[in-house]
Amino acid sequence: MAGYIGELHAENLLIGISSPEYIYSERIQSLLKQGKIQNVGSDQKYDIEKIISLKPDVIFTNHIASFDNTYQLLENNGIRVVFLDEYMEQKPLQKTAYLKLFGKLLGKDKEAERMYENVEKIMLT
C-alpha cells in the first residue's frame, strides 16, 4: 500500500512499512535509508513494540488470519487497523482503482483521478 501513497507523492506521511524489500519506489527507499521511515517487520511478523512506539494514526494492511491477535493488540493501543486486500483483485484496473481510495484519504482526489484515468486510457486502447 506504500506504493499507492508513493505514487501520490505523499511518502512523507509514512512513518513505517513492513517488508521494505518489496518497495520499489526510490523515494521511499531513500526515506528508509535516512531513517525517516522505519522498517516495522515483515509479512511474516510485525515488530509490535516498534509500531506502537511510532504512534501511527492508522495502519493499512492485508488481512492475515494468523495475525488477528496482533491486530487486536494494535487496536487496544489506539491504533486503527484498516484492511485492504487489493492483491485479491483479478484485473489490473481494479488494483489501480485503489489510487482513488488513497487519493480521497490523502486529500489528493484530483491527482489520483487523473492518474487512474491515464492508466485506464492506456489499458483500454
N, C-alpha and C. Protein backbone atom coordinates (compact mmCIF):
# COMPACT_ATOMS: atom_id res chain seq x y z
N MET A 1 0.80 -1.18 0.00
CA MET A 1 0.00 0.00 0.00
C MET A 1 0.85 1.25 0.00
N ALA A 2 2.09 1.10 0.43
CA ALA A 2 3.00 2.23 0.38
C ALA A 2 3.20 2.69 -1.06
N GLY A 3 3.08 1.76 -2.00
CA GLY A 3 3.23 2.11 -3.41
C GLY A 3 2.19 3.11 -3.87
N TYR A 4 0.95 2.94 -3.44
CA TYR A 4 -0.11 3.89 -3.81
C TYR A 4 0.19 5.26 -3.20
N ILE A 5 0.62 5.26 -1.95
CA ILE A 5 0.94 6.52 -1.27
C ILE A 5 2.11 7.19 -1.97
N GLY A 6 3.10 6.40 -2.35
CA GLY A 6 4.25 6.94 -3.07
C GLY A 6 3.88 7.51 -4.43
N GLU A 7 3.00 6.83 -5.14
CA GLU A 7 2.56 7.32 -6.46
C GLU A 7 1.88 8.67 -6.34
N LEU A 8 1.26 8.93 -5.21
CA LEU A 8 0.59 10.21 -4.98
C LEU A 8 1.53 11.23 -4.33
N HIS A 9 2.82 10.91 -4.30
CA HIS A 9 3.85 11.79 -3.74
C HIS A 9 3.53 12.21 -2.31
N ALA A 10 3.08 11.26 -1.52
CA ALA A 10 2.75 11.52 -0.12
C ALA A 10 3.58 10.63 0.80
N GLU A 11 4.71 10.15 0.30
CA GLU A 11 5.52 9.24 1.10
C GLU A 11 6.04 9.89 2.38
N ASN A 12 6.06 11.21 2.43
CA ASN A 12 6.48 11.90 3.65
C ASN A 12 5.51 11.64 4.82
N LEU A 13 4.32 11.11 4.52
CA LEU A 13 3.35 10.77 5.57
C LEU A 13 3.61 9.40 6.18
N LEU A 14 4.42 8.60 5.51
CA LEU A 14 4.73 7.26 6.01
C LEU A 14 5.72 7.34 7.15
N ILE A 15 5.47 6.57 8.21
CA ILE A 15 6.45 6.51 9.30
C ILE A 15 6.99 5.10 9.48
N GLY A 16 6.31 4.12 8.90
CA GLY A 16 6.77 2.75 9.00
C GLY A 16 6.17 1.90 7.90
N ILE A 17 6.93 0.92 7.45
CA ILE A 17 6.43 -0.04 6.46
C ILE A 17 6.99 -1.42 6.80
N SER A 18 6.25 -2.43 6.42
CA SER A 18 6.75 -3.79 6.58
C SER A 18 7.25 -4.28 5.23
N SER A 19 8.12 -5.24 5.28
CA SER A 19 8.69 -5.85 4.06
C SER A 19 9.20 -4.81 3.07
N PRO A 20 10.13 -3.96 3.49
CA PRO A 20 10.62 -2.91 2.59
C PRO A 20 11.32 -3.43 1.34
N GLU A 21 11.73 -4.69 1.37
CA GLU A 21 12.39 -5.26 0.19
C GLU A 21 11.44 -5.35 -1.00
N TYR A 22 10.15 -5.23 -0.74
CA TYR A 22 9.16 -5.28 -1.83
C TYR A 22 8.73 -3.90 -2.29
N ILE A 23 9.34 -2.87 -1.77
CA ILE A 23 9.00 -1.49 -2.14
C ILE A 23 10.00 -1.05 -3.21
N TYR A 24 9.46 -0.67 -4.37
CA TYR A 24 10.33 -0.32 -5.50
C TYR A 24 10.46 1.17 -5.73
N SER A 25 9.81 1.97 -4.91
CA SER A 25 9.91 3.42 -5.02
C SER A 25 11.26 3.89 -4.50
N GLU A 26 12.01 4.58 -5.36
CA GLU A 26 13.31 5.11 -4.94
C GLU A 26 13.14 6.13 -3.82
N ARG A 27 12.07 6.93 -3.88
CA ARG A 27 11.84 7.94 -2.84
C ARG A 27 11.60 7.27 -1.48
N ILE A 28 10.79 6.22 -1.47
CA ILE A 28 10.53 5.53 -0.21
C ILE A 28 11.79 4.83 0.29
N GLN A 29 12.54 4.20 -0.60
CA GLN A 29 13.79 3.56 -0.19
C GLN A 29 14.78 4.58 0.38
N SER A 30 14.81 5.76 -0.21
CA SER A 30 15.69 6.82 0.29
C SER A 30 15.27 7.24 1.70
N LEU A 31 13.97 7.39 1.93
CA LEU A 31 13.48 7.76 3.26
C LEU A 31 13.76 6.66 4.28
N LEU A 32 13.72 5.41 3.85
CA LEU A 32 14.10 4.30 4.73
C LEU A 32 15.57 4.41 5.12
N LYS A 33 16.43 4.65 4.15
CA LYS A 33 17.87 4.76 4.42
C LYS A 33 18.18 5.93 5.34
N GLN A 34 17.39 7.00 5.22
CA GLN A 34 17.58 8.18 6.06
C GLN A 34 16.99 8.00 7.46
N GLY A 35 16.24 6.92 7.66
CA GLY A 35 15.61 6.67 8.95
C GLY A 35 14.31 7.43 9.16
N LYS A 36 13.81 8.08 8.12
CA LYS A 36 12.56 8.82 8.23
C LYS A 36 11.35 7.90 8.16
N ILE A 37 11.53 6.73 7.56
CA ILE A 37 10.53 5.67 7.56
C ILE A 37 11.21 4.46 8.21
N GLN A 38 10.52 3.82 9.14
CA GLN A 38 11.08 2.68 9.85
C GLN A 38 10.57 1.36 9.27
N ASN A 39 11.44 0.37 9.29
CA ASN A 39 11.04 -1.00 8.94
C ASN A 39 10.35 -1.59 10.17
N VAL A 40 9.08 -1.96 10.03
CA VAL A 40 8.32 -2.46 11.18
C VAL A 40 8.03 -3.96 11.08
N GLY A 41 8.87 -4.67 10.34
CA GLY A 41 8.72 -6.11 10.27
C GLY A 41 8.52 -6.62 8.87
N SER A 42 8.00 -7.83 8.80
CA SER A 42 7.80 -8.47 7.50
C SER A 42 6.36 -8.93 7.38
N ASP A 43 6.07 -9.53 6.26
CA ASP A 43 4.72 -10.07 6.09
C ASP A 43 4.53 -11.33 6.93
N GLN A 44 5.58 -11.77 7.60
CA GLN A 44 5.51 -12.93 8.49
C GLN A 44 5.37 -12.53 9.96
N LYS A 45 5.93 -11.36 10.32
CA LYS A 45 5.89 -10.94 11.72
C LYS A 45 6.13 -9.43 11.81
N TYR A 46 5.19 -8.75 12.45
CA TYR A 46 5.33 -7.31 12.69
C TYR A 46 6.11 -7.09 13.99
N ASP A 47 6.87 -6.01 14.03
CA ASP A 47 7.55 -5.58 15.25
C ASP A 47 6.56 -4.70 16.02
N ILE A 48 5.75 -5.32 16.84
CA ILE A 48 4.65 -4.64 17.53
C ILE A 48 5.16 -3.49 18.39
N GLU A 49 6.22 -3.71 19.14
CA GLU A 49 6.74 -2.66 20.01
C GLU A 49 7.14 -1.43 19.20
N LYS A 50 7.79 -1.66 18.06
CA LYS A 50 8.21 -0.53 17.23
C LYS A 50 6.99 0.20 16.67
N ILE A 51 6.01 -0.55 16.20
CA ILE A 51 4.80 0.08 15.65
C ILE A 51 4.13 0.94 16.71
N ILE A 52 3.96 0.40 17.90
CA ILE A 52 3.31 1.15 18.98
C ILE A 52 4.12 2.40 19.32
N SER A 53 5.45 2.28 19.34
CA SER A 53 6.29 3.43 19.69
C SER A 53 6.23 4.53 18.63
N LEU A 54 5.95 4.17 17.39
CA LEU A 54 5.85 5.17 16.32
C LEU A 54 4.54 5.96 16.38
N LYS A 55 3.56 5.43 17.08
CA LYS A 55 2.25 6.07 17.26
C LYS A 55 1.59 6.47 15.94
N PRO A 56 1.41 5.50 15.04
CA PRO A 56 0.76 5.85 13.77
C PRO A 56 -0.72 6.16 13.97
N ASP A 57 -1.26 6.98 13.09
CA ASP A 57 -2.70 7.27 13.11
C ASP A 57 -3.49 6.06 12.64
N VAL A 58 -2.91 5.35 11.67
CA VAL A 58 -3.60 4.22 11.05
C VAL A 58 -2.57 3.28 10.45
N ILE A 59 -2.94 2.02 10.36
CA ILE A 59 -2.12 1.02 9.66
C ILE A 59 -2.98 0.44 8.55
N PHE A 60 -2.44 0.44 7.35
CA PHE A 60 -3.09 -0.21 6.22
C PHE A 60 -2.38 -1.54 6.01
N THR A 61 -3.15 -2.61 5.96
CA THR A 61 -2.54 -3.93 5.83
C THR A 61 -3.50 -4.89 5.14
N ASN A 62 -2.95 -5.97 4.67
CA ASN A 62 -3.78 -7.07 4.18
C ASN A 62 -4.18 -7.90 5.39
N HIS A 63 -5.35 -8.50 5.34
CA HIS A 63 -5.78 -9.33 6.46
C HIS A 63 -5.12 -10.70 6.37
N ILE A 64 -4.45 -11.05 7.44
CA ILE A 64 -3.84 -12.37 7.58
C ILE A 64 -4.42 -12.96 8.86
N ALA A 65 -5.18 -14.02 8.74
CA ALA A 65 -5.92 -14.57 9.89
C ALA A 65 -5.00 -14.87 11.08
N SER A 66 -3.80 -15.34 10.82
CA SER A 66 -2.90 -15.68 11.92
C SER A 66 -2.39 -14.44 12.66
N PHE A 67 -2.65 -13.25 12.13
CA PHE A 67 -2.24 -12.00 12.78
C PHE A 67 -3.37 -11.38 13.60
N ASP A 68 -4.51 -12.06 13.73
CA ASP A 68 -5.66 -11.45 14.41
C ASP A 68 -5.32 -10.94 15.81
N ASN A 69 -4.53 -11.69 16.57
CA ASN A 69 -4.12 -11.23 17.90
C ASN A 69 -3.29 -9.96 17.80
N THR A 70 -2.44 -9.88 16.79
CA THR A 70 -1.61 -8.70 16.57
C THR A 70 -2.49 -7.49 16.27
N TYR A 71 -3.46 -7.66 15.39
CA TYR A 71 -4.35 -6.56 15.05
C TYR A 71 -5.09 -6.07 16.29
N GLN A 72 -5.55 -7.02 17.11
CA GLN A 72 -6.28 -6.66 18.33
C GLN A 72 -5.38 -5.89 19.28
N LEU A 73 -4.13 -6.32 19.41
CA LEU A 73 -3.18 -5.63 20.28
C LEU A 73 -2.95 -4.20 19.81
N LEU A 74 -2.81 -4.02 18.50
CA LEU A 74 -2.62 -2.67 17.95
C LEU A 74 -3.85 -1.80 18.24
N GLU A 75 -5.03 -2.34 18.00
CA GLU A 75 -6.25 -1.58 18.25
C GLU A 75 -6.40 -1.27 19.74
N ASN A 76 -6.02 -2.19 20.60
CA ASN A 76 -6.07 -1.95 22.05
C ASN A 76 -5.13 -0.82 22.47
N ASN A 77 -4.13 -0.54 21.64
CA ASN A 77 -3.19 0.55 21.89
C ASN A 77 -3.56 1.81 21.12
N GLY A 78 -4.79 1.87 20.64
CA GLY A 78 -5.29 3.09 20.00
C GLY A 78 -4.89 3.27 18.55
N ILE A 79 -4.44 2.20 17.91
CA ILE A 79 -4.01 2.28 16.52
C ILE A 79 -5.08 1.65 15.64
N ARG A 80 -5.62 2.46 14.74
CA ARG A 80 -6.66 1.96 13.82
C ARG A 80 -6.00 1.07 12.77
N VAL A 81 -6.59 -0.10 12.55
CA VAL A 81 -6.11 -1.04 11.54
C VAL A 81 -7.15 -1.10 10.43
N VAL A 82 -6.72 -0.82 9.21
CA VAL A 82 -7.62 -0.84 8.04
C VAL A 82 -7.12 -1.93 7.10
N PHE A 83 -8.02 -2.85 6.78
CA PHE A 83 -7.67 -3.96 5.90
C PHE A 83 -8.01 -3.61 4.46
N LEU A 84 -7.04 -3.73 3.60
CA LEU A 84 -7.22 -3.51 2.16
C LEU A 84 -6.55 -4.68 1.45
N ASP A 85 -7.33 -5.56 0.93
CA ASP A 85 -6.79 -6.75 0.28
C ASP A 85 -6.78 -6.59 -1.23
N GLU A 86 -6.10 -5.54 -1.67
CA GLU A 86 -6.06 -5.23 -3.11
C GLU A 86 -5.38 -6.32 -3.92
N TYR A 87 -4.55 -7.10 -3.30
CA TYR A 87 -3.86 -8.17 -4.03
C TYR A 87 -4.85 -9.22 -4.55
N MET A 88 -6.06 -9.23 -4.01
CA MET A 88 -7.06 -10.20 -4.44
C MET A 88 -7.81 -9.77 -5.70
N GLU A 89 -7.64 -8.51 -6.07
CA GLU A 89 -8.31 -8.02 -7.28
C GLU A 89 -7.78 -8.80 -8.48
N GLN A 90 -8.67 -9.18 -9.37
CA GLN A 90 -8.30 -10.01 -10.51
C GLN A 90 -7.82 -9.22 -11.72
N LYS A 91 -8.27 -7.98 -11.83
CA LYS A 91 -7.94 -7.18 -13.01
C LYS A 91 -7.06 -6.01 -12.62
N PRO A 92 -6.05 -5.71 -13.44
CA PRO A 92 -5.14 -4.61 -13.11
C PRO A 92 -5.84 -3.28 -12.86
N LEU A 93 -6.87 -2.99 -13.62
CA LEU A 93 -7.56 -1.72 -13.44
C LEU A 93 -8.27 -1.66 -12.08
N GLN A 94 -8.71 -2.81 -11.58
CA GLN A 94 -9.32 -2.85 -10.25
C GLN A 94 -8.28 -2.52 -9.18
N LYS A 95 -7.06 -3.00 -9.36
CA LYS A 95 -5.99 -2.67 -8.42
C LYS A 95 -5.65 -1.19 -8.51
N THR A 96 -5.64 -0.67 -9.74
CA THR A 96 -5.33 0.73 -9.94
C THR A 96 -6.35 1.63 -9.26
N ALA A 97 -7.58 1.16 -9.14
CA ALA A 97 -8.64 1.96 -8.50
C ALA A 97 -8.30 2.31 -7.05
N TYR A 98 -7.41 1.56 -6.43
CA TYR A 98 -7.02 1.88 -5.06
C TYR A 98 -6.31 3.22 -4.99
N LEU A 99 -5.77 3.69 -6.11
CA LEU A 99 -5.21 5.04 -6.15
C LEU A 99 -6.27 6.06 -5.77
N LYS A 100 -7.49 5.86 -6.26
CA LYS A 100 -8.57 6.79 -5.97
C LYS A 100 -8.93 6.76 -4.48
N LEU A 101 -8.91 5.59 -3.88
CA LEU A 101 -9.18 5.48 -2.45
C LEU A 101 -8.14 6.26 -1.65
N PHE A 102 -6.87 6.02 -1.96
CA PHE A 102 -5.81 6.73 -1.24
C PHE A 102 -5.84 8.22 -1.56
N GLY A 103 -6.23 8.58 -2.77
CA GLY A 103 -6.39 9.99 -3.11
C GLY A 103 -7.40 10.66 -2.20
N LYS A 104 -8.51 10.00 -1.97
CA LYS A 104 -9.54 10.55 -1.06
C LYS A 104 -9.00 10.65 0.37
N LEU A 105 -8.34 9.61 0.83
CA LEU A 105 -7.82 9.61 2.19
C LEU A 105 -6.75 10.68 2.41
N LEU A 106 -5.99 10.98 1.37
CA LEU A 106 -4.86 11.90 1.49
C LEU A 106 -5.18 13.30 0.98
N GLY A 107 -6.42 13.53 0.57
CA GLY A 107 -6.79 14.85 0.04
C GLY A 107 -6.18 15.13 -1.32
N LYS A 108 -5.94 14.07 -2.08
CA LYS A 108 -5.34 14.20 -3.41
C LYS A 108 -6.27 13.57 -4.44
N ASP A 109 -7.57 13.85 -4.29
CA ASP A 109 -8.59 13.25 -5.15
C ASP A 109 -8.34 13.51 -6.63
N LYS A 110 -8.09 14.77 -6.96
CA LYS A 110 -7.95 15.14 -8.38
C LYS A 110 -6.73 14.48 -9.00
N GLU A 111 -5.63 14.50 -8.28
CA GLU A 111 -4.40 13.87 -8.79
C GLU A 111 -4.61 12.37 -8.98
N ALA A 112 -5.25 11.73 -8.02
CA ALA A 112 -5.50 10.28 -8.10
C ALA A 112 -6.43 9.96 -9.26
N GLU A 113 -7.46 10.75 -9.43
CA GLU A 113 -8.41 10.52 -10.52
C GLU A 113 -7.72 10.67 -11.87
N ARG A 114 -6.87 11.68 -11.99
CA ARG A 114 -6.12 11.91 -13.23
C ARG A 114 -5.19 10.72 -13.52
N MET A 115 -4.52 10.24 -12.50
CA MET A 115 -3.62 9.10 -12.68
C MET A 115 -4.41 7.86 -13.10
N TYR A 116 -5.54 7.64 -12.45
CA TYR A 116 -6.37 6.49 -12.78
C TYR A 116 -6.85 6.58 -14.22
N GLU A 117 -7.32 7.75 -14.62
CA GLU A 117 -7.81 7.92 -15.99
C GLU A 117 -6.70 7.69 -17.02
N ASN A 118 -5.49 8.11 -16.71
CA ASN A 118 -4.36 7.87 -17.63
C ASN A 118 -4.09 6.38 -17.78
N VAL A 119 -4.10 5.66 -16.67
CA VAL A 119 -3.88 4.21 -16.73
C VAL A 119 -5.03 3.54 -17.47
N GLU A 120 -6.24 3.97 -17.17
CA GLU A 120 -7.42 3.39 -17.82
C GLU A 120 -7.36 3.59 -19.33
N LYS A 121 -6.96 4.77 -19.75
CA LYS A 121 -6.86 5.06 -21.18
C LYS A 121 -5.84 4.14 -21.85
N ILE A 122 -4.72 3.95 -21.20
CA ILE A 122 -3.67 3.07 -21.75
C ILE A 122 -4.16 1.63 -21.81
N MET A 123 -4.83 1.18 -20.78
CA MET A 123 -5.26 -0.22 -20.72
C MET A 123 -6.40 -0.53 -21.67
N LEU A 124 -7.20 0.46 -21.97
CA LEU A 124 -8.36 0.22 -22.83
C LEU A 124 -8.08 0.48 -24.30
N THR A 125 -6.87 0.90 -24.62
CA THR A 125 -6.53 1.11 -26.04
C THR A 125 -5.68 -0.01 -26.57
